[in-house]
Amino acid sequence: MINYFILAAVAATALVVLLGVLNMGRSGEKRGITSNRLMRLRILFQAIAIALVMIGLAFGMKGS
């Protein structure tokens, strides 16, 4: 079950990275603000993904 959450967190991280790359191609004065928000969101999703992987590993080792 936790594998689905890990996949969702990884997919969300990849989506935010893609949005960040697309945002770099834009012009305008709000580009920097949007890039900063996307960077923070990426870091949040990466932290969630890493935490879920660690939880998954901990539960996997208890089952062995």
Protein backbone atom coordinates (compact mmCIF):
# COMPACT_ATOMS: atom_id res chain seq x y z
CA MET A 1 0.00 0.00 0.00
CA ILE A 2 2.79 2.42 0.84
CA ASN A 3 4.31 1.76 -2.58
CA TYR A 4 1.42 3.66 -4.17
CA PHE A 5 2.06 6.63 -1.92
CA ILE A 6 5.75 6.55 -2.82
CA LEU A 7 4.92 6.47 -6.52
CA ALA A 8 2.47 9.35 -6.08
CA ALA A 9 5.08 11.43 -4.25
CA VAL A 10 7.71 10.72 -6.91
CA ALA A 11 5.24 11.57 -9.68
CA ALA A 12 4.30 14.82 -7.92
CA THR A 13 7.98 15.71 -7.59
CA ALA A 14 8.56 15.01 -11.28
CA LEU A 15 5.56 17.13 -12.22
CA VAL A 16 6.79 20.07 -10.17
CA VAL A 17 10.26 19.75 -11.72
CA LEU A 18 8.68 19.78 -15.19
CA LEU A 19 6.63 22.85 -14.30
CA GLY A 20 9.80 24.53 -13.05
CA VAL A 21 11.64 23.82 -16.29
CA LEU A 22 8.72 25.15 -18.32
CA ASN A 23 8.57 28.22 -16.09
CA MET A 24 12.22 29.02 -16.84
CA GLY A 25 11.27 29.50 -20.49
CA ARG A 26 8.70 32.13 -19.67
CA SER A 27 9.36 35.82 -19.48
CA GLY A 28 7.93 38.33 -17.09
CA GLU A 29 8.48 39.78 -13.70
CA LYS A 30 6.58 37.08 -11.80
CA ARG A 31 8.79 34.31 -13.17
CA GLY A 32 11.22 34.52 -10.26
CA ILE A 33 8.46 34.36 -7.67
CA THR A 34 6.88 31.36 -9.38
CA SER A 35 10.26 29.61 -9.67
CA ASN A 36 10.86 30.11 -5.96
CA ARG A 37 7.46 28.68 -5.05
CA LEU A 38 7.96 25.70 -7.35
CA MET A 39 11.40 25.06 -5.83
CA ARG A 40 9.91 25.03 -2.34
CA LEU A 41 7.13 22.71 -3.47
CA ARG A 42 9.68 20.37 -5.08
CA ILE A 43 11.68 20.21 -1.88
CA LEU A 44 8.51 19.44 0.09
CA PHE A 45 7.50 16.61 -2.27
CA GLN A 46 11.04 15.20 -2.23
CA ALA A 47 11.04 15.19 1.57
CA ILE A 48 7.69 13.40 1.60
CA ALA A 49 8.95 10.83 -0.91
CA ILE A 50 12.12 10.17 1.10
CA ALA A 51 10.15 9.84 4.33
CA LEU A 52 7.76 7.37 2.69
CA VAL A 53 10.66 5.33 1.35
CA MET A 54 12.21 5.19 4.81
CA ILE A 55 8.87 4.16 6.35
CA GLY A 56 8.48 1.51 3.66
CA LEU A 57 11.95 0.17 4.37
CA ALA A 58 11.29 0.09 8.11
CA PHE A 59 8.07 -1.87 7.66
CA GLY A 60 9.70 -4.14 5.11
CA MET A 61 12.49 -5.08 7.50
CA LYS A 62 10.06 -5.86 10.31
CA GLY A 63 8.23 -8.32 8.06
CA SER A 64 11.42 -10.30 7.29
